[in-house]
Amino acid sequence: MTDTTMDLNEQVARIERAIAETGKLQEETRKFVAEQHKLYAEARKAERDHSFAPWQVAFTGMGAGAALVGATVALMKVLGG
């Protein structure tokens, strides 16, 4: 083999290694982006849940109040009030 053929083979091998490395980096990037999308979705859900928390407390309190009133009315009927 001549020096030129060896140089070309070395260059081809170097290019193939670079392509393989680029493929690995692209796969890592895809995984990273997928993880970021997952974390972003979780953060949005947490934010949404956090914004609804006061309403949940209010509705639970109203339900408890209605149950208390209903129980009081039923007790008054039973006792003949």
PDB file of N, CA and C in Angstrom:
ATOM      1  N   MET A   1       0.841  -1.175   0.000  1.00  0.00           N
ATOM      2  CA  MET A   1       0.000   0.000   0.000  1.00  0.00           C
ATOM      3  C   MET A   1       0.886   1.238   0.000  1.00  0.00           C
ATOM      4  N   THR A   2       0.344   2.191  -0.591  1.00  0.00           N
ATOM      5  CA  THR A   2       1.104   3.436  -0.628  1.00  0.00           C
ATOM      6  C   THR A   2       0.698   4.308   0.556  1.00  0.00           C
ATOM      7  N   ASP A   3       1.483   5.341   0.758  1.00  0.00           N
ATOM      8  CA  ASP A   3       1.182   6.259   1.860  1.00  0.00           C
ATOM      9  C   ASP A   3      -0.145   6.959   1.649  1.00  0.00           C
ATOM     10  N   THR A   4      -0.487   7.231   0.418  1.00  0.00           N
ATOM     11  CA  THR A   4      -1.741   7.934   0.136  1.00  0.00           C
ATOM     12  C   THR A   4      -2.937   7.062   0.509  1.00  0.00           C
ATOM     13  N   THR A   5      -2.843   5.771   0.204  1.00  0.00           N
ATOM     14  CA  THR A   5      -3.945   4.869   0.534  1.00  0.00           C
ATOM     15  C   THR A   5      -4.092   4.753   2.044  1.00  0.00           C
ATOM     16  N   MET A   6      -2.981   4.696   2.759  1.00  0.00           N
ATOM     17  CA  MET A   6      -3.034   4.634   4.224  1.00  0.00           C
ATOM     18  C   MET A   6      -3.630   5.912   4.795  1.00  0.00           C
ATOM     19  N   ASP A   7      -3.226   7.036   4.242  1.00  0.00           N
ATOM     20  CA  ASP A   7      -3.775   8.307   4.701  1.00  0.00           C
ATOM     21  C   ASP A   7      -5.283   8.348   4.465  1.00  0.00           C
ATOM     22  N   LEU A   8      -5.715   7.875   3.300  1.00  0.00           N
ATOM     23  CA  LEU A   8      -7.145   7.864   3.005  1.00  0.00           C
ATOM     24  C   LEU A   8      -7.884   6.919   3.950  1.00  0.00           C
ATOM     25  N   ASN A   9      -7.310   5.739   4.195  1.00  0.00           N
ATOM     26  CA  ASN A   9      -7.932   4.797   5.114  1.00  0.00           C
ATOM     27  C   ASN A   9      -8.023   5.377   6.522  1.00  0.00           C
ATOM     28  N   GLU A  10      -6.975   6.050   6.948  1.00  0.00           N
ATOM     29  CA  GLU A  10      -6.992   6.691   8.260  1.00  0.00           C
ATOM     30  C   GLU A  10      -8.059   7.781   8.320  1.00  0.00           C
ATOM     31  N   GLN A  11      -8.169   8.550   7.276  1.00  0.00           N
ATOM     32  CA  GLN A  11      -9.176   9.609   7.240  1.00  0.00           C
ATOM     33  C   GLN A  11     -10.581   9.022   7.244  1.00  0.00           C
ATOM     34  N   VAL A  12     -10.786   7.944   6.471  1.00  0.00           N
ATOM     35  CA  VAL A  12     -12.096   7.291   6.448  1.00  0.00           C
ATOM     36  C   VAL A  12     -12.426   6.750   7.835  1.00  0.00           C
ATOM     37  N   ALA A  13     -11.457   6.118   8.488  1.00  0.00           N
ATOM     38  CA  ALA A  13     -11.671   5.588   9.832  1.00  0.00           C
ATOM     39  C   ALA A  13     -11.981   6.710  10.818  1.00  0.00           C
ATOM     40  N   ARG A  14     -11.278   7.809  10.710  1.00  0.00           N
ATOM     41  CA  ARG A  14     -11.514   8.962  11.581  1.00  0.00           C
ATOM     42  C   ARG A  14     -12.914   9.522  11.363  1.00  0.00           C
ATOM     43  N   ILE A  15     -13.329   9.603  10.105  1.00  0.00           N
ATOM     44  CA  ILE A  15     -14.672  10.110   9.782  1.00  0.00           C
ATOM     45  C   ILE A  15     -15.738   9.168  10.340  1.00  0.00           C
ATOM     46  N   GLU A  16     -15.521   7.853  10.196  1.00  0.00           N
ATOM     47  CA  GLU A  16     -16.486   6.889  10.719  1.00  0.00           C
ATOM     48  C   GLU A  16     -16.593   6.967  12.236  1.00  0.00           C
ATOM     49  N   ARG A  17     -15.470   7.168  12.926  1.00  0.00           N
ATOM     50  CA  ARG A  17     -15.496   7.333  14.375  1.00  0.00           C
ATOM     51  C   ARG A  17     -16.242   8.616  14.749  1.00  0.00           C
ATOM     52  N   ALA A  18     -16.015   9.661  13.985  1.00  0.00           N
ATOM     53  CA  ALA A  18     -16.691  10.930  14.258  1.00  0.00           C
ATOM     54  C   ALA A  18     -18.207  10.783  14.056  1.00  0.00           C
ATOM     55  N   ILE A  19     -18.596  10.055  13.017  1.00  0.00           N
ATOM     56  CA  ILE A  19     -20.023   9.828  12.761  1.00  0.00           C
ATOM     57  C   ILE A  19     -20.645   9.022  13.896  1.00  0.00           C
ATOM     58  N   ALA A  20     -19.932   7.982  14.357  1.00  0.00           N
ATOM     59  CA  ALA A  20     -20.425   7.165  15.471  1.00  0.00           C
ATOM     60  C   ALA A  20     -20.561   8.009  16.735  1.00  0.00           C
ATOM     61  N   GLU A  21     -19.564   8.832  16.997  1.00  0.00           N
ATOM     62  CA  GLU A  21     -19.607   9.700  18.178  1.00  0.00           C
ATOM     63  C   GLU A  21     -20.761  10.691  18.074  1.00  0.00           C
ATOM     64  N   THR A  22     -20.978  11.231  16.887  1.00  0.00           N
ATOM     65  CA  THR A  22     -22.089  12.160  16.677  1.00  0.00           C
ATOM     66  C   THR A  22     -23.419  11.469  16.934  1.00  0.00           C
ATOM     67  N   GLY A  23     -23.547  10.224  16.488  1.00  0.00           N
ATOM     68  CA  GLY A  23     -24.771   9.463  16.739  1.00  0.00           C
ATOM     69  C   GLY A  23     -25.014   9.271  18.226  1.00  0.00           C
ATOM     70  N   LYS A  24     -23.953   8.966  18.971  1.00  0.00           N
ATOM     71  CA  LYS A  24     -24.085   8.811  20.417  1.00  0.00           C
ATOM     72  C   LYS A  24     -24.523  10.120  21.069  1.00  0.00           C
ATOM     73  N   LEU A  25     -23.908  11.213  20.634  1.00  0.00           N
ATOM     74  CA  LEU A  25     -24.269  12.515  21.195  1.00  0.00           C
ATOM     75  C   LEU A  25     -25.711  12.887  20.866  1.00  0.00           C
ATOM     76  N   GLN A  26     -26.148  12.553  19.653  1.00  0.00           N
ATOM     77  CA  GLN A  26     -27.535  12.829  19.290  1.00  0.00           C
ATOM     78  C   GLN A  26     -28.499  12.025  20.152  1.00  0.00           C
ATOM     79  N   GLU A  27     -28.174  10.772  20.420  1.00  0.00           N
ATOM     80  CA  GLU A  27     -29.026   9.941  21.270  1.00  0.00           C
ATOM     81  C   GLU A  27     -29.078  10.486  22.694  1.00  0.00           C
ATOM     82  N   GLU A  28     -27.934  10.897  23.207  1.00  0.00           N
ATOM     83  CA  GLU A  28     -27.910  11.502  24.541  1.00  0.00           C
ATOM     84  C   GLU A  28     -28.745  12.778  24.579  1.00  0.00           C
ATOM     85  N   THR A  29     -28.672  13.558  23.503  1.00  0.00           N
ATOM     86  CA  THR A  29     -29.458  14.793  23.427  1.00  0.00           C
ATOM     87  C   THR A  29     -30.938  14.479  23.412  1.00  0.00           C
ATOM     88  N   ARG A  30     -31.332  13.457  22.655  1.00  0.00           N
ATOM     89  CA  ARG A  30     -32.747  13.067  22.619  1.00  0.00           C
ATOM     90  C   ARG A  30     -33.234  12.651  24.009  1.00  0.00           C
ATOM     91  N   LYS A  31     -32.419  11.879  24.712  1.00  0.00           N
ATOM     92  CA  LYS A  31     -32.787  11.453  26.063  1.00  0.00           C
ATOM     93  C   LYS A  31     -32.903  12.653  26.991  1.00  0.00           C
ATOM     94  N   PHE A  32     -31.959  13.576  26.875  1.00  0.00           N
ATOM     95  CA  PHE A  32     -31.981  14.770  27.712  1.00  0.00           C
ATOM     96  C   PHE A  32     -33.232  15.599  27.442  1.00  0.00           C
ATOM     97  N   VAL A  33     -33.566  15.779  26.177  1.00  0.00           N
ATOM     98  CA  VAL A  33     -34.753  16.564  25.815  1.00  0.00           C
ATOM     99  C   VAL A  33     -36.018  15.869  26.321  1.00  0.00           C
ATOM    100  N   ALA A  34     -36.088  14.552  26.198  1.00  0.00           N
ATOM    101  CA  ALA A  34     -37.249  13.816  26.697  1.00  0.00           C
ATOM    102  C   ALA A  34     -37.381  13.983  28.208  1.00  0.00           C
ATOM    103  N   GLU A  35     -36.263  13.922  28.915  1.00  0.00           N
ATOM    104  CA  GLU A  35     -36.295  14.114  30.363  1.00  0.00           C
ATOM    105  C   GLU A  35     -36.735  15.531  30.723  1.00  0.00           C
ATOM    106  N   GLN A  36     -36.265  16.509  29.958  1.00  0.00           N
ATOM    107  CA  GLN A  36     -36.666  17.894  30.208  1.00  0.00           C
ATOM    108  C   GLN A  36     -38.164  18.087  29.982  1.00  0.00           C
ATOM    109  N   HIS A  37     -38.705  17.467  28.933  1.00  0.00           N
ATOM    110  CA  HIS A  37     -40.145  17.550  28.681  1.00  0.00           C
ATOM    111  C   HIS A  37     -40.929  16.920  29.834  1.00  0.00           C
ATOM    112  N   LYS A  38     -40.435  15.797  30.326  1.00  0.00           N
ATOM    113  CA  LYS A  38     -41.095  15.122  31.445  1.00  0.00           C
ATOM    114  C   LYS A  38     -41.072  16.010  32.684  1.00  0.00           C
ATOM    115  N   LEU A  39     -39.919  16.579  32.994  1.00  0.00           N
ATOM    116  CA  LEU A  39     -39.801  17.446  34.170  1.00  0.00           C
ATOM    117  C   LEU A  39     -40.662  18.698  34.029  1.00  0.00           C
ATOM    118  N   TYR A  40     -40.716  19.250  32.816  1.00  0.00           N
ATOM    119  CA  TYR A  40     -41.542  20.434  32.578  1.00  0.00           C
ATOM    120  C   TYR A  40     -43.011  20.105  32.804  1.00  0.00           C
ATOM    121  N   ALA A  41     -43.460  18.945  32.309  1.00  0.00           N
ATOM    122  CA  ALA A  41     -44.851  18.539  32.493  1.00  0.00           C
ATOM    123  C   ALA A  41     -45.164  18.339  33.981  1.00  0.00           C
ATOM    124  N   GLU A  42     -44.231  17.736  34.720  1.00  0.00           N
ATOM    125  CA  GLU A  42     -44.433  17.553  36.150  1.00  0.00           C
ATOM    126  C   GLU A  42     -44.503  18.898  36.875  1.00  0.00           C
ATOM    127  N   ALA A  43     -43.664  19.827  36.468  1.00  0.00           N
ATOM    128  CA  ALA A  43     -43.667  21.154  37.094  1.00  0.00           C
ATOM    129  C   ALA A  43     -44.978  21.879  36.817  1.00  0.00           C
ATOM    130  N   ARG A  44     -45.470  21.761  35.592  1.00  0.00           N
ATOM    131  CA  ARG A  44     -46.755  22.399  35.270  1.00  0.00           C
ATOM    132  C   ARG A  44     -47.886  21.788  36.071  1.00  0.00           C
ATOM    133  N   LYS A  45     -47.862  20.462  36.238  1.00  0.00           N
ATOM    134  CA  LYS A  45     -48.898  19.794  37.025  1.00  0.00           C
ATOM    135  C   LYS A  45     -48.831  20.261  38.473  1.00  0.00           C
ATOM    136  N   ALA A  46     -47.644  20.344  39.025  1.00  0.00           N
ATOM    137  CA  ALA A  46     -47.481  20.803  40.406  1.00  0.00           C
ATOM    138  C   ALA A  46     -47.968  22.237  40.553  1.00  0.00           C
ATOM    139  N   GLU A  47     -47.656  23.067  39.575  1.00  0.00           N
ATOM    140  CA  GLU A  47     -48.113  24.465  39.610  1.00  0.00           C
ATOM    141  C   GLU A  47     -49.632  24.543  39.553  1.00  0.00           C
ATOM    142  N   ARG A  48     -50.225  23.727  38.690  1.00  0.00           N
ATOM    143  CA  ARG A  48     -51.682  23.714  38.551  1.00  0.00           C
ATOM    144  C   ARG A  48     -52.320  23.217  39.851  1.00  0.00           C
ATOM    145  N   ASP A  49     -51.773  22.151  40.421  1.00  0.00           N
ATOM    146  CA  ASP A  49     -52.302  21.630  41.681  1.00  0.00           C
ATOM    147  C   ASP A  49     -52.169  22.665  42.791  1.00  0.00           C
ATOM    148  N   HIS A  50     -51.057  23.373  42.787  1.00  0.00           N
ATOM    149  CA  HIS A  50     -50.838  24.403  43.800  1.00  0.00           C
ATOM    150  C   HIS A  50     -51.859  25.533  43.667  1.00  0.00           C
ATOM    151  N   SER A  51     -52.212  25.891  42.438  1.00  0.00           N
ATOM    152  CA  SER A  51     -53.163  26.988  42.250  1.00  0.00           C
ATOM    153  C   SER A  51     -54.592  26.569  42.600  1.00  0.00           C
ATOM    154  N   PHE A  52     -54.896  25.254  42.528  1.00  0.00           N
ATOM    155  CA  PHE A  52     -56.243  24.788  42.867  1.00  0.00           C
ATOM    156  C   PHE A  52     -56.394  24.447  44.346  1.00  0.00           C
ATOM    157  N   ALA A  53     -55.305  24.396  45.084  1.00  0.00           N
ATOM    158  CA  ALA A  53     -55.359  23.991  46.490  1.00  0.00           C
ATOM    159  C   ALA A  53     -56.311  24.855  47.325  1.00  0.00           C
ATOM    160  N   PRO A  54     -56.294  26.178  47.216  1.00  0.00           N
ATOM    161  CA  PRO A  54     -57.233  26.973  48.021  1.00  0.00           C
ATOM    162  C   PRO A  54     -58.697  26.661  47.685  1.00  0.00           C
ATOM    163  N   TRP A  55     -58.961  26.392  46.434  1.00  0.00           N
ATOM    164  CA  TRP A  55     -60.338  26.063  46.044  1.00  0.00           C
ATOM    165  C   TRP A  55     -60.751  24.722  46.627  1.00  0.00           C
ATOM    166  N   GLN A  56     -59.835  23.785  46.665  1.00  0.00           N
ATOM    167  CA  GLN A  56     -60.145  22.482  47.248  1.00  0.00           C
ATOM    168  C   GLN A  56     -60.488  22.627  48.727  1.00  0.00           C
ATOM    169  N   VAL A  57     -59.753  23.462  49.432  1.00  0.00           N
ATOM    170  CA  VAL A  57     -60.025  23.696  50.847  1.00  0.00           C
ATOM    171  C   VAL A  57     -61.396  24.351  51.005  1.00  0.00           C
ATOM    172  N   ALA A  58     -61.711  25.315  50.157  1.00  0.00           N
ATOM    173  CA  ALA A  58     -62.988  26.015  50.245  1.00  0.00           C
ATOM    174  C   ALA A  58     -64.155  25.056  49.989  1.00  0.00           C
ATOM    175  N   PHE A  59     -64.057  24.256  48.950  1.00  0.00           N
ATOM    176  CA  PHE A  59     -65.146  23.333  48.635  1.00  0.00           C
ATOM    177  C   PHE A  59     -65.290  22.256  49.701  1.00  0.00           C
ATOM    178  N   THR A  60     -64.183  21.799  50.263  1.00  0.00           N
ATOM    179  CA  THR A  60     -64.248  20.815  51.343  1.00  0.00           C
ATOM    180  C   THR A  60     -64.929  21.423  52.564  1.00  0.00           C
ATOM    181  N   GLY A  61     -64.596  22.658  52.860  1.00  0.00           N
ATOM    182  CA  GLY A  61     -65.237  23.347  53.994  1.00  0.00           C
ATOM    183  C   GLY A  61     -66.724  23.537  53.780  1.00  0.00           C
ATOM    184  N   MET A  62     -67.108  23.903  52.547  1.00  0.00           N
ATOM    185  CA  MET A  62     -68.537  24.064  52.258  1.00  0.00           C
ATOM    186  C   MET A  62     -69.268  22.735  52.363  1.00  0.00           C
ATOM    187  N   GLY A  63     -68.620  21.665  51.905  1.00  0.00           N
ATOM    188  CA  GLY A  63     -69.240  20.337  52.014  1.00  0.00           C
ATOM    189  C   GLY A  63     -69.403  19.916  53.458  1.00  0.00           C
ATOM    190  N   ALA A  64     -68.380  20.180  54.260  1.00  0.00           N
ATOM    191  CA  ALA A  64     -68.470  19.847  55.684  1.00  0.00           C
ATOM    192  C   ALA A  64     -69.553  20.673  56.363  1.00  0.00           C
ATOM    193  N   GLY A  65     -69.648  21.935  56.002  1.00  0.00           N
ATOM    194  CA  GLY A  65     -70.694  22.796  56.568  1.00  0.00           C
ATOM    195  C   GLY A  65     -72.081  22.308  56.185  1.00  0.00           C
ATOM    196  N   ALA A  66     -72.252  21.909  54.930  1.00  0.00           N
ATOM    197  CA  ALA A  66     -73.550  21.394  54.485  1.00  0.00           C
ATOM    198  C   ALA A  66     -73.889  20.097  55.211  1.00  0.00           C
ATOM    199  N   ALA A  67     -72.899  19.247  55.415  1.00  0.00           N
ATOM    200  CA  ALA A  67     -73.144  17.995  56.138  1.00  0.00           C
ATOM    201  C   ALA A  67     -73.534  18.278  57.588  1.00  0.00           C
ATOM    202  N   LEU A  68     -72.905  19.264  58.205  1.00  0.00           N
ATOM    203  CA  LEU A  68     -73.227  19.636  59.574  1.00  0.00           C
ATOM    204  C   LEU A  68     -74.648  20.180  59.674  1.00  0.00           C
ATOM    205  N   VAL A  69     -75.029  21.022  58.746  1.00  0.00           N
ATOM    206  CA  VAL A  69     -76.393  21.564  58.730  1.00  0.00           C
ATOM    207  C   VAL A  69     -77.389  20.431  58.523  1.00  0.00           C
ATOM    208  N   GLY A  70     -77.103  19.534  57.581  1.00  0.00           N
ATOM    209  CA  GLY A  70     -78.006  18.402  57.342  1.00  0.00           C
ATOM    210  C   GLY A  70     -78.149  17.520  58.566  1.00  0.00           C
ATOM    211  N   ALA A  71     -77.036  17.256  59.258  1.00  0.00           N
ATOM    212  CA  ALA A  71     -77.080  16.430  60.455  1.00  0.00           C
ATOM    213  C   ALA A  71     -77.869  17.126  61.555  1.00  0.00           C
ATOM    214  N   THR A  72     -77.728  18.431  61.684  1.00  0.00           N
ATOM    215  CA  THR A  72     -78.448  19.191  62.683  1.00  0.00           C
ATOM    216  C   THR A  72     -79.948  19.144  62.410  1.00  0.00           C
ATOM    217  N   VAL A  73     -80.343  19.333  61.179  1.00  0.00           N
ATOM    218  CA  VAL A  73     -81.763  19.291  60.801  1.00  0.00           C
ATOM    219  C   VAL A  73     -82.324  17.894  61.064  1.00  0.00           C
ATOM    220  N   ALA A  74     -81.588  16.864  60.730  1.00  0.00           N
ATOM    221  CA  ALA A  74     -82.059  15.494  60.961  1.00  0.00           C
ATOM    222  C   ALA A  74     -82.198  15.214  62.459  1.00  0.00           C
ATOM    223  N   LEU A  75     -81.236  15.683  63.257  1.00  0.00           N
ATOM    224  CA  LEU A  75     -81.316  15.489  64.701  1.00  0.00           C
ATOM    225  C   LEU A  75     -82.520  16.226  65.290  1.00  0.00           C
ATOM    226  N   MET A  76     -82.800  17.419  64.785  1.00  0.00           N
ATOM    227  CA  MET A  76     -83.955  18.185  65.283  1.00  0.00           C
ATOM    228  C   MET A  76     -85.252  17.464  64.931  1.00  0.00           C
ATOM    229  N   LYS A  77     -85.330  16.852  63.772  1.00  0.00           N
ATOM    230  CA  LYS A  77     -86.537  16.116  63.382  1.00  0.00           C
ATOM    231  C   LYS A  77     -86.718  14.888  64.261  1.00  0.00           C
ATOM    232  N   VAL A  78     -85.609  14.208  64.551  1.00  0.00           N
ATOM    233  CA  VAL A  78     -85.683  13.002  65.374  1.00  0.00           C
ATOM    234  C   VAL A  78     -86.103  13.359  66.786  1.00  0.00           C
ATOM    235  N   LEU A  79     -85.610  14.445  67.319  1.00  0.00           N
ATOM    236  CA  LEU A  79     -85.911  14.850  68.677  1.00  0.00           C
ATOM    237  C   LEU A  79     -87.244  15.580  68.788  1.00  0.00           C
ATOM    238  N   GLY A  80     -87.867  15.850  67.641  1.00  0.00           N
ATOM    239  CA  GLY A  80     -89.187  16.459  67.635  1.00  0.00           C
ATOM    240  C   GLY A  80     -89.141  17.968  67.773  1.00  0.00           C
ATOM    241  N   GLY A  81     -88.091  18.568  67.300  1.00  0.00           N
ATOM    242  CA  GLY A  81     -87.914  20.002  67.446  1.00  0.00           C
ATOM    243  C   GLY A  81     -88.540  20.779  66.412  1.00  0.00           C
TER     244      GLY A  81
END
